[in-house]
Each structure stands twice: as structure tokens, then as C-alpha cells.
Amino acid sequence: MNDVIKQKVLSAQSNELTEALIYQQLAAIVRWPEHREILLRISREEEAHALVLKGLTGQEIAADKWRVLWYVTISRVFGLNFGLRLMESQEGLAQEVYEALKAEHPGIEQLFKDEQSHEKELLNMIDEERLKYIGAVVLGLNDALVELTGALAGFTLALQDMKLIAIAGTITGIAASLSMASSSYLSVKQDPDGKDPFKSALYTGLAYVATVLFLIWPYLFFSNMFFALGVALANAVVIILVATFYISVAKGVSFRKRFLEMAGLSLSVAAINFGIGLLVRKAFGIDV
């Protein structure tokens, strides 16, 4: 084993020890016994994985304590499933390391592939409430982004008064959030699929209101309405970016496709309503 390959294997050895420690610490804080059992099981497998690599390198190496802290914190804030899937998406030896090792150590490539596949199966068993209701959150976000970015663009051209735009946007947003929450409640009530109608409505409504507030605030802090509209649209892109990243990691779906769809739809509606606002202002002779 040459020095370059050895350093990569040592890095992988440290990575396995680090992840074993992450799983172990998460197991100590999770509420559900079944989740704890899954995490401890994976932790033991990671330790065994590290021992295999130690047999190849012949060296002791320490876990990365800062990485442990980072992923444990991420999992606590954004959910166990999200933190673990994010971690798993970045693990594994590089393909060139497999190629270099398998000639001298037949079967090692299959061993790693089998363990990685097994870990994914175990992670898929983790069922969190926030993932169960992620559809309700996405519903609230999508509708708020599409409706309110369009409404704000229209209000900006039609009213051209910062306070009036903020008031109109807030009223529109709150009313729409209540409407969406009610629709979510009725939809789940009709077809529960293991979900609580009230919780579904709550997730949808809160996601909508949070989006409304994040889009409205530029109109309360800036004096130029077109600059405020630009900031609001930039905020919409930020929301889409964060929400899409979370969903793509938690659900294992394409980030790029979903992001472009959501961003394109929201900004297109805003552009159309911007023109409608101008037409309304001219047609009705609005002068505020």
C-alpha cells in the first residue's frame, strides 16, 4: 500500500470511528427505543468497519470530535433523519481506493458496499413526525411563496406606498394561511393516512405565516419600494434554497430539479403580477 492510498485509508478509518461516536451519542438522546436500537446497531457496525481498516493500516487513529459535535447538533436542530442522511451522503472510501485495495484484499470492496447498503436500510426505518408532515410544510411554503411574491409585486406597482403594501401583504398572507390550514385539515380528515388533521393544518399554517413574515419585513425597514421588492424576492429564493436542500436530503430527491421548479414558478408569478399591478394602476387611475 503506497503512502497516498494509506493516508486515504487512514482518513476513512477516522471517519468510521467518528460516525460510530456520532451514532452512540445520538442513541443516548433519542426518545424512541426503536430509534436507539437502530443507532446503537449502526454504531457497532461502524466500529467493526474501523477495525477492518485498522488491520490494513496497522495504525491507531482518533475520531474527529468537532465533526461529532457538528452532526449531533444538526440532528438535534433539524431532525435525526436529516442529520444522519446528510452524514451518510458524505461517507465512504473513494473509488480509486477501492480499486487500489481490492487487488491485495479481495472482498473488501463488497464488504463496504454491503455495509453501506445495510446502513441505508436501517436509516429508512427511522420515522419522524416532522418527515410525516413534510408535505404539509411544503404545501404552506409553496403556496405562500407563489401567492405572496406575486401579490407583493402587484401591490408594489399598484399602490406604491410602503406601509400600504406591507399592510395589504400581511392581511392577504394571514387570510391565505388560514385558508390553506383549513384546506389541509379537511384534506387529511378525509384521507388520514396515519396523520392527525389538526397537526397537518398547524404545520401548513405555521409554514405559510413564517414565509409571509419573511417576505414582508423588507417593506418595513427600507424606504425604496423597488429595493424592498428585490429583497423580498431574494428572501423567497433563500426560503426555496433552504427548504429544497432539507427536502432533498431528508427524502433523497433531486435538489437541482426541485429548486429550479419552485424558484421558476414563484419568480414567474411575481413577474406576471408585477405587470398586472401596473395595468391595474393605469386602468383605475390609482394615485396613492
Protein backbone atom coordinates (compact mmCIF):
# COMPACT_ATOMS: atom_id res chain seq x y z
CA MET A 1 0.00 0.00 0.00
CA ASN A 2 1.61 3.28 -1.10
CA ASP A 3 1.66 6.38 1.11
CA VAL A 4 -1.11 8.22 -0.81
CA ILE A 5 -3.56 5.31 -0.55
CA LYS A 6 -2.59 4.71 3.07
CA GLN A 7 -3.43 8.30 4.01
CA LYS A 8 -6.86 7.94 2.38
CA VAL A 9 -7.50 4.69 4.21
CA LEU A 10 -6.42 6.34 7.49
CA SER A 11 -8.88 9.15 6.75
CA ALA A 12 -11.64 6.59 6.19
CA GLN A 13 -10.63 4.81 9.41
CA SER A 14 -11.00 8.07 11.34
CA ASN A 15 -14.33 8.70 9.58
CA GLU A 16 -15.74 5.34 10.69
CA LEU A 17 -14.69 5.94 14.30
CA THR A 18 -16.20 9.44 14.15
CA GLU A 19 -19.52 8.16 12.85
CA ALA A 20 -19.59 5.37 15.43
CA LEU A 21 -19.28 8.05 18.11
CA ILE A 22 -21.99 10.19 16.47
CA TYR A 23 -24.44 7.29 16.42
CA GLN A 24 -23.57 6.44 20.01
CA GLN A 25 -24.20 9.99 21.25
CA LEU A 26 -27.44 10.30 19.29
CA ALA A 27 -28.64 7.00 20.73
CA ALA A 28 -28.26 8.48 24.20
CA ILE A 29 -30.59 11.41 23.45
CA VAL A 30 -33.33 9.97 21.19
CA ARG A 31 -36.74 9.41 22.76
CA TRP A 32 -37.86 6.31 20.91
CA PRO A 33 -36.40 2.93 21.94
CA GLU A 34 -36.57 1.60 18.37
CA HIS A 35 -34.51 4.56 17.13
CA ARG A 36 -31.99 3.98 19.93
CA GLU A 37 -31.64 0.34 18.94
CA ILE A 38 -31.05 1.23 15.28
CA LEU A 39 -28.39 3.81 16.16
CA LEU A 40 -26.52 1.52 18.53
CA ARG A 41 -26.58 -1.23 15.93
CA ILE A 42 -25.06 1.05 13.27
CA SER A 43 -22.52 2.34 15.80
CA ARG A 44 -21.29 -1.20 16.40
CA GLU A 45 -21.05 -1.80 12.65
CA GLU A 46 -19.01 1.39 12.19
CA GLU A 47 -16.60 0.29 14.91
CA ALA A 48 -16.21 -3.07 13.19
CA HIS A 49 -15.67 -1.22 9.93
CA ALA A 50 -12.89 0.82 11.53
CA LEU A 51 -11.24 -2.36 12.84
CA VAL A 52 -11.09 -3.76 9.31
CA LEU A 53 -9.31 -0.61 8.16
CA LYS A 54 -7.01 -0.69 11.17
CA GLY A 55 -5.98 -4.17 10.11
CA LEU A 56 -4.92 -2.70 6.77
CA THR A 57 -3.11 0.38 8.07
CA GLY A 58 -1.70 -1.08 11.27
CA GLN A 59 -2.18 2.31 12.95
CA GLU A 60 -4.35 3.78 15.69
CA ILE A 61 -6.21 6.98 14.75
CA ALA A 62 -8.59 9.23 16.66
CA ALA A 63 -12.15 10.28 15.86
CA ASP A 64 -12.90 13.86 14.80
CA LYS A 65 -14.55 15.37 17.90
CA TRP A 66 -15.56 18.58 16.12
CA ARG A 67 -17.36 16.62 13.41
CA VAL A 68 -19.14 14.63 16.11
CA LEU A 69 -20.33 17.88 17.72
CA TRP A 70 -21.44 19.27 14.34
CA TYR A 71 -23.59 16.32 13.29
CA VAL A 72 -25.08 15.77 16.73
CA THR A 73 -26.11 19.46 16.76
CA ILE A 74 -27.50 19.27 13.20
CA SER A 75 -29.53 16.18 14.11
CA ARG A 76 -30.93 17.86 17.22
CA VAL A 77 -31.98 21.02 15.35
CA PHE A 78 -33.20 19.62 12.02
CA GLY A 79 -34.15 16.10 12.99
CA LEU A 80 -32.49 12.74 13.34
CA ASN A 81 -33.29 11.57 9.82
CA PHE A 82 -31.92 14.74 8.20
CA GLY A 83 -28.68 14.73 10.20
CA LEU A 84 -27.96 11.07 9.54
CA ARG A 85 -28.79 11.19 5.84
CA LEU A 86 -26.59 14.27 5.45
CA MET A 87 -23.76 12.43 7.16
CA GLU A 88 -24.24 9.24 5.15
CA SER A 89 -24.23 11.19 1.87
CA GLN A 90 -20.64 12.22 2.59
CA GLU A 91 -19.18 8.94 3.80
CA GLY A 92 -17.20 6.18 2.14
CA LEU A 93 -13.84 5.50 0.61
CA ALA A 94 -13.12 6.96 -2.81
CA GLN A 95 -13.50 4.62 -5.77
CA GLU A 96 -9.78 4.77 -6.52
CA VAL A 97 -9.05 3.50 -3.01
CA TYR A 98 -11.34 0.51 -3.59
CA GLU A 99 -9.57 -0.19 -6.86
CA ALA A 100 -6.15 0.02 -5.23
CA LEU A 101 -7.07 -2.20 -2.27
CA LYS A 102 -9.18 -4.92 -3.83
CA ALA A 103 -6.25 -6.48 -5.70
CA GLU A 104 -4.41 -7.19 -2.42
CA HIS A 105 -7.52 -7.65 -0.26
CA PRO A 106 -10.24 -9.47 -2.24
CA GLY A 107 -13.73 -8.99 -0.86
CA ILE A 108 -13.12 -5.65 0.87
CA GLU A 109 -15.00 -3.66 -1.77
CA GLN A 110 -18.07 -5.87 -1.40
CA LEU A 111 -17.80 -5.64 2.39
CA PHE A 112 -18.00 -1.85 2.26
CA LYS A 113 -20.81 -1.83 -0.28
CA ASP A 114 -22.83 -4.31 1.76
CA GLU A 115 -22.43 -2.25 4.93
CA GLN A 116 -23.36 0.99 3.21
CA SER A 117 -26.47 -0.64 1.74
CA HIS A 118 -27.38 -2.06 5.16
CA GLU A 119 -26.97 1.35 6.80
CA LYS A 120 -29.34 2.94 4.28
CA GLU A 121 -31.92 0.26 5.04
CA LEU A 122 -31.62 0.98 8.76
CA LEU A 123 -31.88 4.74 8.23
CA ASN A 124 -35.04 4.25 6.18
CA MET A 125 -36.61 2.65 9.25
CA ILE A 126 -36.34 5.92 11.18
CA ASP A 127 -39.80 7.52 11.03
CA GLU A 128 -40.02 11.06 12.43
CA GLU A 129 -43.12 13.18 12.82
CA ARG A 130 -41.54 16.12 11.01
CA LEU A 131 -40.99 13.92 7.94
CA LYS A 132 -44.53 12.59 8.13
CA TYR A 133 -45.84 16.15 7.88
CA ILE A 134 -43.20 17.48 5.49
CA GLY A 135 -45.86 17.53 2.77
CA ALA A 136 -47.95 19.93 4.86
CA VAL A 137 -44.93 22.19 5.37
CA VAL A 138 -44.11 22.15 1.65
CA LEU A 139 -47.75 22.96 0.86
CA GLY A 140 -47.61 26.01 3.13
CA LEU A 141 -44.25 27.17 1.77
CA ASN A 142 -45.12 26.69 -1.89
CA ASP A 143 -48.45 28.47 -1.69
CA ALA A 144 -47.06 31.34 0.37
CA LEU A 145 -44.13 31.81 -1.99
CA VAL A 146 -46.20 31.69 -5.17
CA GLU A 147 -49.15 33.73 -3.90
CA LEU A 148 -47.33 36.33 -1.83
CA THR A 149 -44.41 37.05 -4.16
CA GLY A 150 -46.99 37.64 -6.86
CA ALA A 151 -49.19 39.72 -4.59
CA LEU A 152 -46.29 41.86 -3.35
CA ALA A 153 -45.14 42.53 -6.91
CA GLY A 154 -48.67 43.58 -7.85
CA PHE A 155 -49.16 45.71 -4.73
CA THR A 156 -45.80 47.43 -5.29
CA LEU A 157 -46.81 48.69 -8.73
CA ALA A 158 -50.47 49.34 -7.92
CA LEU A 159 -50.15 51.05 -4.52
CA GLN A 160 -46.58 52.44 -4.46
CA ASP A 161 -46.79 53.10 -0.72
CA MET A 162 -44.56 51.09 1.63
CA LYS A 163 -46.95 50.92 4.59
CA LEU A 164 -49.96 50.11 2.44
CA ILE A 165 -48.02 47.37 0.64
CA ALA A 166 -46.93 45.87 3.99
CA ILE A 167 -50.49 46.05 5.39
CA ALA A 168 -52.08 44.61 2.25
CA GLY A 169 -49.46 41.87 2.05
CA THR A 170 -49.86 40.93 5.70
CA ILE A 171 -53.67 40.79 5.52
CA THR A 172 -53.52 38.79 2.29
CA GLY A 173 -50.93 36.42 3.75
CA ILE A 174 -52.69 35.79 7.07
CA ALA A 175 -56.05 35.23 5.35
CA ALA A 176 -54.46 32.84 2.86
CA SER A 177 -52.64 30.97 5.65
CA LEU A 178 -55.93 30.34 7.46
CA SER A 179 -57.49 29.19 4.21
CA MET A 180 -54.59 26.82 3.48
CA ALA A 181 -54.60 25.45 7.02
CA SER A 182 -58.34 24.76 6.75
CA SER A 183 -57.87 23.03 3.39
CA SER A 184 -55.07 20.90 4.83
CA TYR A 185 -57.26 19.95 7.80
CA LEU A 186 -60.18 18.92 5.60
CA SER A 187 -57.92 17.04 3.18
CA VAL A 188 -56.30 14.94 5.93
CA LYS A 189 -59.66 14.49 7.67
CA GLN A 190 -61.00 12.90 4.51
CA ASP A 191 -57.90 10.75 3.89
CA PRO A 192 -55.89 10.48 7.18
CA ASP A 193 -53.17 8.04 6.05
CA GLY A 194 -51.86 7.94 9.63
CA LYS A 195 -51.76 11.72 10.03
CA ASP A 196 -53.50 13.99 12.51
CA PRO A 197 -55.69 16.60 10.72
CA PHE A 198 -55.00 19.27 13.35
CA LYS A 199 -51.23 18.77 13.20
CA SER A 200 -51.30 18.84 9.41
CA ALA A 201 -53.24 22.12 9.48
CA LEU A 202 -50.84 23.54 12.09
CA TYR A 203 -47.73 22.68 10.06
CA THR A 204 -49.26 24.14 6.90
CA GLY A 205 -50.44 27.33 8.60
CA LEU A 206 -47.20 27.98 10.50
CA ALA A 207 -45.09 27.41 7.39
CA TYR A 208 -47.31 29.86 5.50
CA VAL A 209 -47.20 32.55 8.21
CA ALA A 210 -43.42 32.24 8.66
CA THR A 211 -42.95 32.69 4.92
CA VAL A 212 -45.29 35.70 4.89
CA LEU A 213 -43.34 37.45 7.66
CA PHE A 214 -40.00 36.75 5.97
CA LEU A 215 -41.24 38.24 2.70
CA ILE A 216 -42.98 41.27 4.25
CA TRP A 217 -40.22 42.61 6.51
CA PRO A 218 -38.25 44.47 3.75
CA TYR A 219 -41.23 46.78 3.30
CA LEU A 220 -40.99 47.75 6.97
CA PHE A 221 -37.25 48.51 7.02
CA PHE A 222 -36.41 50.05 3.63
CA SER A 223 -37.60 53.31 2.09
CA ASN A 224 -37.37 52.36 -1.60
CA MET A 225 -40.24 50.08 -2.60
CA PHE A 226 -38.44 48.56 -5.59
CA PHE A 227 -35.42 47.74 -3.44
CA ALA A 228 -37.78 46.22 -0.86
CA LEU A 229 -39.40 44.12 -3.60
CA GLY A 230 -35.95 42.95 -4.72
CA VAL A 231 -35.05 41.93 -1.15
CA ALA A 232 -38.40 40.15 -0.77
CA LEU A 233 -37.76 38.17 -3.96
CA ALA A 234 -34.23 37.37 -2.77
CA ASN A 235 -35.75 36.17 0.52
CA ALA A 236 -38.09 33.93 -1.48
CA VAL A 237 -35.12 32.36 -3.25
CA VAL A 238 -33.39 31.82 0.13
CA ILE A 239 -36.50 30.08 1.51
CA ILE A 240 -36.70 27.89 -1.59
CA LEU A 241 -32.99 27.08 -1.34
CA VAL A 242 -33.15 26.06 2.33
CA ALA A 243 -36.45 24.16 2.01
CA THR A 244 -35.30 22.34 -1.12
CA PHE A 245 -31.99 21.36 0.46
CA TYR A 246 -33.75 19.98 3.53
CA ILE A 247 -36.27 18.01 1.48
CA SER A 248 -33.66 16.70 -0.96
CA VAL A 249 -31.54 15.35 1.91
CA ALA A 250 -34.40 14.03 4.06
CA LYS A 251 -36.28 12.47 1.16
CA GLY A 252 -33.35 11.61 -1.10
CA VAL A 253 -34.72 13.52 -4.12
CA SER A 254 -33.02 15.71 -6.72
CA PHE A 255 -32.08 19.12 -5.32
CA ARG A 256 -31.50 20.89 -8.65
CA LYS A 257 -34.76 19.91 -10.31
CA ARG A 258 -36.94 20.77 -7.32
CA PHE A 259 -35.15 24.08 -6.69
CA LEU A 260 -35.47 25.22 -10.31
CA GLU A 261 -39.16 24.29 -10.37
CA MET A 262 -40.02 26.16 -7.18
CA ALA A 263 -37.87 29.21 -7.94
CA GLY A 264 -39.05 29.42 -11.54
CA LEU A 265 -42.72 29.20 -10.57
CA SER A 266 -42.51 31.81 -7.79
CA LEU A 267 -40.48 34.34 -9.78
CA SER A 268 -42.62 33.86 -12.92
CA VAL A 269 -45.82 34.55 -10.97
CA ALA A 270 -44.17 37.61 -9.40
CA ALA A 271 -43.20 38.94 -12.84
CA ILE A 272 -46.75 38.39 -14.20
CA ASN A 273 -48.36 40.12 -11.21
CA PHE A 274 -45.86 42.96 -11.46
CA GLY A 275 -47.28 43.68 -14.93
CA ILE A 276 -50.86 43.21 -13.70
CA GLY A 277 -50.22 45.74 -10.92
CA LEU A 278 -49.05 48.28 -13.46
CA LEU A 279 -52.12 47.70 -15.64
CA VAL A 280 -54.48 47.98 -12.66
CA ARG A 281 -52.84 51.23 -11.56
CA LYS A 282 -53.28 52.75 -15.00
CA ALA A 283 -56.76 51.33 -15.64
CA PHE A 284 -58.20 52.60 -12.34
CA GLY A 285 -56.11 55.75 -12.13
CA ILE A 286 -54.77 54.85 -8.67
CA ASP A 287 -52.71 57.62 -7.15
CA VAL A 288 -51.78 56.88 -3.53
